[in-house]
C-alpha atoms as a PDB file:
ATOM      1  CA  MET A   1      -5.566  -2.061  -1.347  1.00  0.00           C
ATOM      2  CA  ASP A   2      -6.621  -4.887   1.068  1.00  0.00           C
ATOM      3  CA  ILE A   3      -7.793  -2.323   3.472  1.00  0.00           C
ATOM      4  CA  VAL A   4     -11.208  -2.066   1.197  1.00  0.00           C
ATOM      5  CA  SER A   5     -11.032  -4.842  -1.629  1.00  0.00           C
ATOM      6  CA  GLU A   6     -12.827  -7.427   0.705  1.00  0.00           C
ATOM      7  CA  SER A   7     -15.074 -10.213  -1.035  1.00  0.00           C
ATOM      8  CA  GLU A   8     -17.560  -9.802   1.451  1.00  0.00           C
ATOM      9  CA  THR A   9     -18.038  -6.277   1.145  1.00  0.00           C
ATOM     10  CA  PRO A  10     -21.702  -5.241   0.271  1.00  0.00           C
ATOM     11  CA  ARG A  11     -21.768  -4.316  -3.959  1.00  0.00           C
ATOM     12  CA  ALA A  12     -25.108  -3.906  -5.024  1.00  0.00           C
ATOM     13  CA  ARG A  13     -26.043  -0.490  -3.519  1.00  0.00           C
ATOM     14  CA  GLU A  14     -24.958   2.527  -5.045  1.00  0.00           C
ATOM     15  CA  ASP A  15     -22.451   4.967  -3.426  1.00  0.00           C
ATOM     16  CA  ARG A  16     -23.989   8.444  -4.635  1.00  0.00           C
ATOM     17  CA  THR A  17     -21.886  10.847  -2.288  1.00  0.00           C
ATOM     18  CA  GLY A  18     -18.300   9.215  -2.352  1.00  0.00           C
ATOM     19  CA  CYS A  19     -15.791  10.161  -0.333  1.00  0.00           C
ATOM     20  CA  TRP A  20     -13.500  13.406  -1.155  1.00  0.00           C
ATOM     21  CA  VAL A  21      -9.538  13.155  -0.728  1.00  0.00           C
ATOM     22  CA  GLU A  22      -7.079  16.046  -1.324  1.00  0.00           C
ATOM     23  CA  GLN A  23      -3.573  16.221  -2.430  1.00  0.00           C
ATOM     24  CA  MET A  24      -1.343  19.122  -2.106  1.00  0.00           C
ATOM     25  CA  LEU A  25       0.358  19.810  -6.079  1.00  0.00           C
ATOM     26  CA  ASP A  26       2.337  22.565  -4.777  1.00  0.00           C
ATOM     27  CA  PRO A  27       2.121  26.036  -3.204  1.00  0.00           C
ATOM     28  CA  ASP A  28      -0.351  27.233  -5.157  1.00  0.00           C
ATOM     29  CA  TRP A  29      -2.433  24.042  -5.878  1.00  0.00           C
ATOM     30  CA  VAL A  30      -4.606  21.270  -4.336  1.00  0.00           C
ATOM     31  CA  ALA A  31      -6.301  18.331  -6.326  1.00  0.00           C
ATOM     32  CA  LEU A  32      -9.681  17.090  -5.237  1.00  0.00           C
ATOM     33  CA  TYR A  33     -10.526  13.395  -5.917  1.00  0.00           C
ATOM     34  CA  ARG A  34     -13.743  12.087  -5.440  1.00  0.00           C
ATOM     35  CA  PHE A  35     -13.614   8.255  -4.685  1.00  0.00           C
ATOM     36  CA  ALA A  36     -17.225   6.025  -5.276  1.00  0.00           C
ATOM     37  CA  TRP A  37     -18.046   2.421  -4.283  1.00  0.00           C
ATOM     38  CA  GLN A  38     -18.207   0.332  -6.918  1.00  0.00           C
ATOM     39  CA  ASP A  39     -18.054  -3.861  -7.632  1.00  0.00           C
ATOM     40  CA  GLY A  40     -16.154  -4.196  -3.696  1.00  0.00           C
ATOM     41  CA  GLY A  41     -13.848  -0.823  -3.830  1.00  0.00           C
ATOM     42  CA  PRO A  42     -13.149   2.560  -4.247  1.00  0.00           C
ATOM     43  CA  VAL A  43     -13.118   3.760  -7.692  1.00  0.00           C
ATOM     44  CA  LEU A  44     -12.004   7.538  -8.811  1.00  0.00           C
ATOM     45  CA  ALA A  45     -15.229   9.166  -9.917  1.00  0.00           C
ATOM     46  CA  GLU A  46     -13.854  12.681 -10.279  1.00  0.00           C
ATOM     47  CA  VAL A  47     -10.587  15.170 -10.263  1.00  0.00           C
ATOM     48  CA  HIS A  48     -10.515  18.793  -9.940  1.00  0.00           C
ATOM     49  CA  VAL A  49      -7.539  20.887  -9.456  1.00  0.00           C
ATOM     50  CA  VAL A  50      -7.691  24.303  -8.086  1.00  0.00           C
ATOM     51  CA  PRO A  51      -6.089  26.814  -6.007  1.00  0.00           C
ATOM     52  CA  GLN A  52      -5.017  26.662  -2.648  1.00  0.00           C
ATOM     53  CA  GLU A  53      -7.330  29.715  -2.141  1.00  0.00           C
ATOM     54  CA  ALA A  54     -10.945  29.049  -0.912  1.00  0.00           C
ATOM     55  CA  PRO A  55     -13.514  30.309  -3.718  1.00  0.00           C
ATOM     56  CA  GLY A  56     -16.086  33.349  -2.256  1.00  0.00           C
ATOM     57  CA  GLY A  57     -18.711  31.903  -3.116  1.00  0.00           C
ATOM     58  CA  PHE A  58     -21.518  29.939  -5.245  1.00  0.00           C
ATOM     59  CA  LEU A  59     -23.773  31.298  -7.935  1.00  0.00           C
ATOM     60  CA  GLY A  60     -27.843  30.405  -7.577  1.00  0.00           C
ATOM     61  CA  ARG A  61     -28.647  27.466  -9.654  1.00  0.00           C
ATOM     62  CA  ASP A  62     -30.845  29.743 -11.820  1.00  0.00           C
ATOM     63  CA  THR A  63     -28.496  32.524 -11.953  1.00  0.00           C
ATOM     64  CA  PRO A  64     -27.044  33.126 -15.283  1.00  0.00           C
ATOM     65  CA  ARG A  65     -23.255  31.910 -15.711  1.00  0.00           C
ATOM     66  CA  GLY A  66     -22.065  32.575 -19.201  1.00  0.00           C
ATOM     67  CA  TRP A  67     -22.899  31.796 -22.776  1.00  0.00           C
ATOM     68  CA  ASP A  68     -20.858  29.062 -22.839  1.00  0.00           C
ATOM     69  CA  ALA A  69     -22.371  26.916 -19.867  1.00  0.00           C
ATOM     70  CA  PRO A  70     -25.949  25.846 -21.148  1.00  0.00           C
ATOM     71  CA  PRO A  71     -28.068  24.611 -18.002  1.00  0.00           C
ATOM     72  CA  GLY A  72     -27.953  21.709 -16.518  1.00  0.00           C
ATOM     73  CA  SER A  73     -24.251  21.037 -18.152  1.00  0.00           C
ATOM     74  CA  TRP A  74     -21.080  20.185 -16.101  1.00  0.00           C
ATOM     75  CA  ARG A  75     -19.385  23.807 -17.184  1.00  0.00           C
ATOM     76  CA  HIS A  76     -22.696  24.950 -16.220  1.00  0.00           C
ATOM     77  CA  PHE A  77     -22.612  23.496 -12.533  1.00  0.00           C
ATOM     78  CA  LEU A  78     -18.456  24.137 -12.139  1.00  0.00           C
ATOM     79  CA  SER A  79     -18.859  27.605 -13.137  1.00  0.00           C
ATOM     80  CA  GLY A  80     -21.102  28.531 -10.245  1.00  0.00           C
ATOM     81  CA  THR A  81     -18.072  28.825  -7.680  1.00  0.00           C
ATOM     82  CA  PHE A  82     -16.391  32.352  -8.361  1.00  0.00           C
ATOM     83  CA  GLY A  83     -13.960  35.159  -6.438  1.00  0.00           C
ATOM     84  CA  HIS A  84     -10.848  32.786  -7.029  1.00  0.00           C
ATOM     85  CA  LEU A  85     -10.357  33.802 -10.546  1.00  0.00           C
ATOM     86  CA  GLY A  86      -9.257  36.833  -9.994  1.00  0.00           C
ATOM     87  CA  ARG A  87      -6.549  35.501  -7.681  1.00  0.00           C
ATOM     88  CA  LEU A  88      -5.225  33.068  -9.696  1.00  0.00           C
ATOM     89  CA  PRO A  89      -1.418  32.053  -9.191  1.00  0.00           C
ATOM     90  CA  ARG A  90       0.803  33.661 -11.447  1.00  0.00           C
ATOM     91  CA  GLY A  91       1.306  31.646 -14.929  1.00  0.00           C
ATOM     92  CA  GLY A  92      -1.691  29.072 -13.708  1.00  0.00           C
ATOM     93  CA  LEU A  93      -1.512  25.530 -13.684  1.00  0.00           C
ATOM     94  CA  SER A  94       1.169  24.027 -15.240  1.00  0.00           C
ATOM     95  CA  ALA A  95       1.801  20.414 -16.541  1.00  0.00           C
ATOM     96  CA  ARG A  96       4.399  20.100 -13.926  1.00  0.00           C
ATOM     97  CA  SER A  97       1.784  20.346 -11.898  1.00  0.00           C
ATOM     98  CA  LEU A  98      -0.843  17.876 -13.062  1.00  0.00           C
ATOM     99  CA  ARG A  99       1.887  15.510 -13.386  1.00  0.00           C
ATOM    100  CA  ARG A 100       2.003  15.276  -9.572  1.00  0.00           C
ATOM    101  CA  LEU A 101      -1.709  14.162  -9.762  1.00  0.00           C
ATOM    102  CA  LYS A 102      -1.288  10.450  -7.788  1.00  0.00           C
ATOM    103  CA  PRO A 103      -5.241   9.821  -6.352  1.00  0.00           C
ATOM    104  CA  ARG A 104      -4.500   6.635  -5.530  1.00  0.00           C
ATOM    105  CA  ASN A 105      -1.131   7.106  -3.563  1.00  0.00           C
ATOM    106  CA  ALA A 106      -3.616  10.086  -1.864  1.00  0.00           C
ATOM    107  CA  LEU A 107      -6.201   7.731  -1.257  1.00  0.00           C
ATOM    108  CA  GLY A 108      -3.662   5.433   0.852  1.00  0.00           C
ATOM    109  CA  ASP A 109      -2.362   8.537   2.579  1.00  0.00           C
ATOM    110  CA  TRP A 110      -5.969   9.097   3.432  1.00  0.00           C
ATOM    111  CA  PHE A 111      -6.673   5.823   5.033  1.00  0.00           C
ATOM    112  CA  MET A 112      -3.724   6.169   7.203  1.00  0.00           C
ATOM    113  CA  ASP A 113      -5.466   9.203   8.830  1.00  0.00           C
ATOM    114  CA  ALA A 114      -7.055   7.524  12.218  1.00  0.00           C
ATOM    115  CA  ARG A 115      -9.233  10.346  12.100  1.00  0.00           C
ATOM    116  CA  GLU A 116     -10.039   9.525   8.598  1.00  0.00           C
ATOM    117  CA  ALA A 117     -11.435   6.389   9.907  1.00  0.00           C
ATOM    118  CA  ILE A 118     -13.387   7.066  12.466  1.00  0.00           C
ATOM    119  CA  LEU A 119     -15.149   9.670  10.465  1.00  0.00           C
ATOM    120  CA  LEU A 120     -15.573   7.309   7.395  1.00  0.00           C
ATOM    121  CA  GLY A 121     -17.997   4.999   9.619  1.00  0.00           C
ATOM    122  CA  LEU A 122     -20.559   7.721   9.611  1.00  0.00           C
ATOM    123  CA  HIS A 123     -21.068   7.045   5.795  1.00  0.00           C
ATOM    124  CA  ASP A 124     -24.086   5.755   4.758  1.00  0.00           C
ATOM    125  CA  HIS A 125     -22.733   3.160   2.239  1.00  0.00           C
ATOM    126  CA  PRO A 126     -21.912  -0.079   3.708  1.00  0.00           C
ATOM    127  CA  GLY A 127     -19.047  -0.583   2.001  1.00  0.00           C
ATOM    128  CA  TRP A 128     -17.137   2.442   3.141  1.00  0.00           C
ATOM    129  CA  LYS A 129     -18.483   1.755   7.138  1.00  0.00           C
ATOM    130  CA  GLY A 130     -16.837  -1.496   6.379  1.00  0.00           C
ATOM    131  CA  ALA A 131     -13.647  -0.045   5.069  1.00  0.00           C
ATOM    132  CA  SER A 132     -13.843   1.828   8.186  1.00  0.00           C
ATOM    133  CA  GLU A 133     -13.863  -0.583  10.221  1.00  0.00           C
ATOM    134  CA  ARG A 134     -10.593  -2.237   8.773  1.00  0.00           C
ATOM    135  CA  MET A 135      -9.003   1.182   8.740  1.00  0.00           C
ATOM    136  CA  TRP A 136      -9.457   1.332  12.397  1.00  0.00           C
ATOM    137  CA  GLN A 137      -8.082  -2.266  12.877  1.00  0.00           C
ATOM    138  CA  ARG A 138      -4.851  -1.482  11.177  1.00  0.00           C
ATOM    139  CA  HIS A 139      -4.317   1.317  13.063  1.00  0.00           C
ATOM    140  CA  GLN A 140      -4.259  -0.438  16.385  1.00  0.00           C
ATOM    141  CA  GLU A 141      -2.711  -3.251  15.067  1.00  0.00           C
ATOM    142  CA  ARG A 142       0.317  -0.500  14.100  1.00  0.00           C
ATOM    143  CA  LEU A 143      -0.025   0.808  17.653  1.00  0.00           C
ATOM    144  CA  GLY A 144       0.509  -2.601  19.168  1.00  0.00           C
ATOM    145  CA  LEU A 145      -3.357  -2.364  20.714  1.00  0.00           C
ATOM    146  CA  ALA A 146      -4.543  -5.425  18.871  1.00  0.00           C
ATOM    147  CA  GLU A 147      -3.534  -8.588  17.348  1.00  0.00           C
ATOM    148  CA  PRO A 148      -3.379  -8.667  13.615  1.00  0.00           C
ATOM    149  CA  SER A 149      -6.637  -9.616  12.850  1.00  0.00           C
ATOM    150  CA  GLU A 150      -5.741 -11.126   9.209  1.00  0.00           C
ATOM    151  CA  GLN A 151      -2.422 -12.885   7.501  1.00  0.00           C
ATOM    152  CA  ARG A 152      -1.627 -10.621   5.157  1.00  0.00           C
ATOM    153  CA  PRO A 153       0.779 -11.471   2.065  1.00  0.00           C
ATOM    154  CA  GLU A 154       4.138 -10.887   2.787  1.00  0.00           C
ATOM    155  CA  PRO A 155       5.576  -7.489   0.541  1.00  0.00           C
ATOM    156  CA  ARG A 156       7.486  -9.685  -2.285  1.00  0.00           C
ATOM    157  CA  PRO A 157      10.988  -7.330  -1.616  1.00  0.00           C
ATOM    158  CA  LEU A 158      10.828  -9.002   2.184  1.00  0.00           C
ATOM    159  CA  ARG A 159       9.724 -12.560   1.083  1.00  0.00           C
ATOM    160  CA  LEU A 160      13.213 -13.101  -1.686  1.00  0.00           C
ATOM    161  CA  ALA A 161      15.302 -11.304   1.237  1.00  0.00           C
ATOM    162  CA  ARG A 162      13.956 -14.226   3.054  1.00  0.00           C
ATOM    163  CA  ILE A 163      14.430 -17.157   1.277  1.00  0.00           C
ATOM    164  CA  ALA A 164      18.165 -15.434   0.181  1.00  0.00           C
ATOM    165  CA  ARG A 165      18.884 -15.850   3.860  1.00  0.00           C
ATOM    166  CA  LEU A 166      17.422 -19.226   4.389  1.00  0.00           C
ATOM    167  CA  TYR A 167      19.460 -19.987   0.727  1.00  0.00           C
ATOM    168  CA  SER A 168      22.892 -18.499   2.057  1.00  0.00           C
ATOM    169  CA  ASP A 169      22.159 -20.192   5.680  1.00  0.00           C
ATOM    170  CA  GLY A 170      22.246 -23.309   3.974  1.00  0.00           C
ATOM    171  CA  VAL A 171      24.839 -22.966   1.405  1.00  0.00           C
ATOM    172  CA  ALA A 172      27.155 -21.540   4.164  1.00  0.00           C
ATOM    173  CA  ALA A 173      26.804 -25.073   6.203  1.00  0.00           C
ATOM    174  CA  GLY A 174      27.341 -27.345   2.648  1.00  0.00           C
ATOM    175  CA  ARG A 175      23.949 -28.329   2.797  1.00  0.00           C
ATOM    176  CA  GLY A 176      22.274 -29.456  -1.139  1.00  0.00           C
ATOM    177  CA  ARG A 177      18.968 -29.246  -2.470  1.00  0.00           C
ATOM    178  CA  LEU A 178      18.051 -26.213  -0.558  1.00  0.00           C
ATOM    179  CA  ASP A 179      15.084 -25.778  -3.214  1.00  0.00           C
ATOM    180  CA  VAL A 180      13.458 -28.649  -1.733  1.00  0.00           C
ATOM    181  CA  GLU A 181      14.725 -27.726   1.609  1.00  0.00           C
ATOM    182  CA  ILE A 182      13.255 -24.714   1.688  1.00  0.00           C
ATOM    183  CA  GLY A 183       9.824 -25.527   0.086  1.00  0.00           C
ATOM    184  CA  GLN A 184       9.376 -28.300   2.771  1.00  0.00           C
ATOM    185  CA  LEU A 185       9.828 -25.377   5.005  1.00  0.00           C
ATOM    186  CA  LEU A 186       7.488 -22.669   3.656  1.00  0.00           C
ATOM    187  CA  HIS A 187       5.021 -25.326   2.004  1.00  0.00           C
ATOM    188  CA  ARG A 188       5.665 -24.150  -1.587  1.00  0.00           C
ATOM    189  CA  LYS A 189       7.443 -25.424  -4.493  1.00  0.00           C
ATOM    190  CA  PRO A 190      11.038 -26.313  -5.170  1.00  0.00           C
ATOM    191  CA  GLU A 191      10.536 -24.599  -8.465  1.00  0.00           C
ATOM    192  CA  HIS A 192       8.890 -21.818  -7.061  1.00  0.00           C
ATOM    193  CA  ILE A 193      11.947 -21.315  -4.622  1.00  0.00           C
ATOM    194  CA  ARG A 194      13.964 -21.378  -7.262  1.00  0.00           C
ATOM    195  CA  ASP A 195      12.497 -18.368  -9.286  1.00  0.00           C
ATOM    196  CA  ASP A 196      12.275 -16.506  -5.723  1.00  0.00           C
ATOM    197  CA  ILE A 197      16.485 -16.986  -5.619  1.00  0.00           C
ATOM    198  CA  HIS A 198      16.913 -16.468  -9.066  1.00  0.00           C
ATOM    199  CA  ALA A 199      14.668 -13.263  -8.181  1.00  0.00           C
ATOM    200  CA  ALA A 200      16.752 -12.212  -5.664  1.00  0.00           C
ATOM    201  CA  ARG A 201      19.677 -12.325  -7.155  1.00  0.00           C
ATOM    202  CA  ARG A 202      18.716 -10.038 -10.369  1.00  0.00           C
ATOM    203  CA  GLU A 203      16.936  -7.344  -7.265  1.00  0.00           C
ATOM    204  CA  GLY A 204      20.546  -7.359  -5.529  1.00  0.00           C
ATOM    205  CA  LEU A 205      19.557  -9.745  -2.676  1.00  0.00           C
ATOM    206  CA  LEU A 206      21.669 -12.130  -3.392  1.00  0.00           C
ATOM    207  CA  THR A 207      25.102 -12.466  -4.883  1.00  0.00           C
ATOM    208  CA  GLU A 208      26.157 -14.453  -7.531  1.00  0.00           C
ATOM    209  CA  GLY A 209      27.523 -17.752  -6.877  1.00  0.00           C
ATOM    210  CA  PRO A 210      30.773 -19.425  -7.784  1.00  0.00           C
ATOM    211  CA  GLY A 211      29.736 -22.973  -8.312  1.00  0.00           C
ATOM    212  CA  ARG A 212      28.539 -24.871 -11.667  1.00  0.00           C
ATOM    213  CA  GLY A 213      25.074 -23.168 -12.681  1.00  0.00           C
ATOM    214  CA  ARG A 214      26.100 -20.194 -10.518  1.00  0.00           C
ATOM    215  CA  SER A 215      24.554 -21.785  -7.357  1.00  0.00           C
ATOM    216  CA  GLY A 216      25.628 -20.758  -4.323  1.00  0.00           C
ATOM    217  CA  GLY A 217      25.891 -17.137  -3.061  1.00  0.00           C
ATOM    218  CA  THR A 218      25.799 -14.867   0.153  1.00  0.00           C
ATOM    219  CA  LEU A 219      23.149 -12.239   1.605  1.00  0.00           C
ATOM    220  CA  THR A 220      23.635  -8.636   0.261  1.00  0.00           C
ATOM    221  CA  SER A 221      24.020  -5.619   2.343  1.00  0.00           C
ATOM    222  CA  LYS A 222      20.586  -4.520   0.592  1.00  0.00           C
ATOM    223  CA  ALA A 223      18.884  -7.853   1.786  1.00  0.00           C
ATOM    224  CA  ARG A 224      20.066  -7.073   5.362  1.00  0.00           C
ATOM    225  CA  GLY A 225      18.593  -3.851   5.445  1.00  0.00           C
ATOM    226  CA  LEU A 226      15.281  -4.935   4.684  1.00  0.00           C
ATOM    227  CA  LEU A 227      15.145  -7.702   7.217  1.00  0.00           C
ATOM    228  CA  ASP A 228      16.366  -5.395  10.083  1.00  0.00           C
ATOM    229  CA  ASP A 229      13.954  -2.467   8.981  1.00  0.00           C
ATOM    230  CA  GLU A 230      11.251  -5.512   9.242  1.00  0.00           C
ATOM    231  CA  ALA A 231      12.846  -6.175  12.342  1.00  0.00           C
ATOM    232  CA  ASN A 232      12.458  -3.142  14.101  1.00  0.00           C
ATOM    233  CA  GLU A 233       9.363  -2.432  12.629  1.00  0.00           C
ATOM    234  CA  ARG A 234       7.349  -5.706  14.486  1.00  0.00           C
ATOM    235  CA  ARG A 235       9.301  -4.577  17.415  1.00  0.00           C
ATOM    236  CA  ASN A 236       7.928  -0.906  17.594  1.00  0.00           C
ATOM    237  CA  ARG A 237       4.711  -2.775  16.756  1.00  0.00           C
ATOM    238  CA  ARG A 238       4.088  -5.599  18.715  1.00  0.00           C
ATOM    239  CA  PRO A 239       6.975  -5.361  21.535  1.00  0.00           C
ATOM    240  CA  TRP A 240       5.739  -8.102  23.010  1.00  0.00           C
ATOM    241  CA  LEU A 241       6.244 -10.980  20.927  1.00  0.00           C
ATOM    242  CA  THR A 242       9.271  -9.315  19.377  1.00  0.00           C
ATOM    243  CA  ASP A 243      11.637 -11.929  21.165  1.00  0.00           C
ATOM    244  CA  ALA A 244       9.564 -14.668  20.951  1.00  0.00           C
ATOM    245  CA  GLU A 245       9.469 -14.455  16.749  1.00  0.00           C
ATOM    246  CA  ARG A 246      13.371 -13.718  16.732  1.00  0.00           C
ATOM    247  CA  ARG A 247      14.256 -17.048  18.674  1.00  0.00           C
ATOM    248  CA  ARG A 248      11.717 -18.585  16.594  1.00  0.00           C
ATOM    249  CA  GLY A 249      13.190 -17.296  13.585  1.00  0.00           C
ATOM    250  CA  GLU A 250      16.229 -18.191  14.344  1.00  0.00           C
ATOM    251  CA  ALA A 251      15.835 -21.620  15.524  1.00  0.00           C
ATOM    252  CA  VAL A 252      14.246 -22.630  12.149  1.00  0.00           C
ATOM    253  CA  ARG A 253      17.423 -21.301  10.036  1.00  0.00           C
ATOM    254  CA  ASN A 254      19.772 -22.857  12.433  1.00  0.00           C
ATOM    255  CA  MET A 255      17.852 -26.051  12.586  1.00  0.00           C
ATOM    256  CA  LEU A 256      17.912 -25.602   8.349  1.00  0.00           C
ATOM    257  CA  ALA A 257      21.895 -24.937   8.119  1.00  0.00           C
ATOM    258  CA  ASN A 258      22.344 -27.783  10.301  1.00  0.00           C
ATOM    259  CA  GLY A 259      19.838 -30.651   8.300  1.00  0.00           C
ATOM    260  CA  VAL A 260      17.802 -31.284  11.566  1.00  0.00           C
ATOM    261  CA  ILE A 261      14.854 -29.770   9.402  1.00  0.00           C
ATOM    262  CA  GLY A 262      14.923 -30.481   5.549  1.00  0.00           C
ATOM    263  CA  PRO A 263      13.624 -34.106   3.340  1.00  0.00           C
ATOM    264  CA  SER A 264      14.338 -37.645   4.999  1.00  0.00           C
END
């Protein structure tokens, strides 16, 4: 998760409080995840599955809590809650509900909440404070209020769709050695471009070609959908750059297809 896994994040200080994240499992149960900052990022420290209805209270430290909960043990600590077992959901906690546990997804959703980004800045651990700053920067970028602070890796399906489009445009124009041309354009090795072209075919982004070695092919509707969705997202995120970026991208594709750029 690139919001928090930063190499410059402080690592030496121990996180003694962590952060709690909730996930609604179903109408009756909620999962509580406790993440702690460790080695430059959040790690899962605790998982509790509890009824939606809050407990009635908490017993004092020295209050007897049952013969099976030795003082000082985890069972002794957790058995201090009371008042909710009498209102337990019918049938108890099912295996189906437990299979819905997704701590990393819950953490990702939590990071997407702008309110949590602000509140996290109050945490006493520098790792969480740094994560808060990066979270807030991402929220501003998505709203179009700030320029991207860094160049993030492009998602693999979108990268394959882009390469499939460049390849299919070059095939339609009768160009050869497209792996070399696209590699020079993207500053990548031709063999890596060939691997991506094969991967695009396997994942339904580029059709099989009729030529020797099954070269050639056209862009599929699945690839067009990925590219259209990405274009719409960019338009909504940074409207003042959309037209310029679109024209630049179209110019590059046209130059590649017409042989204006490529190996000399």
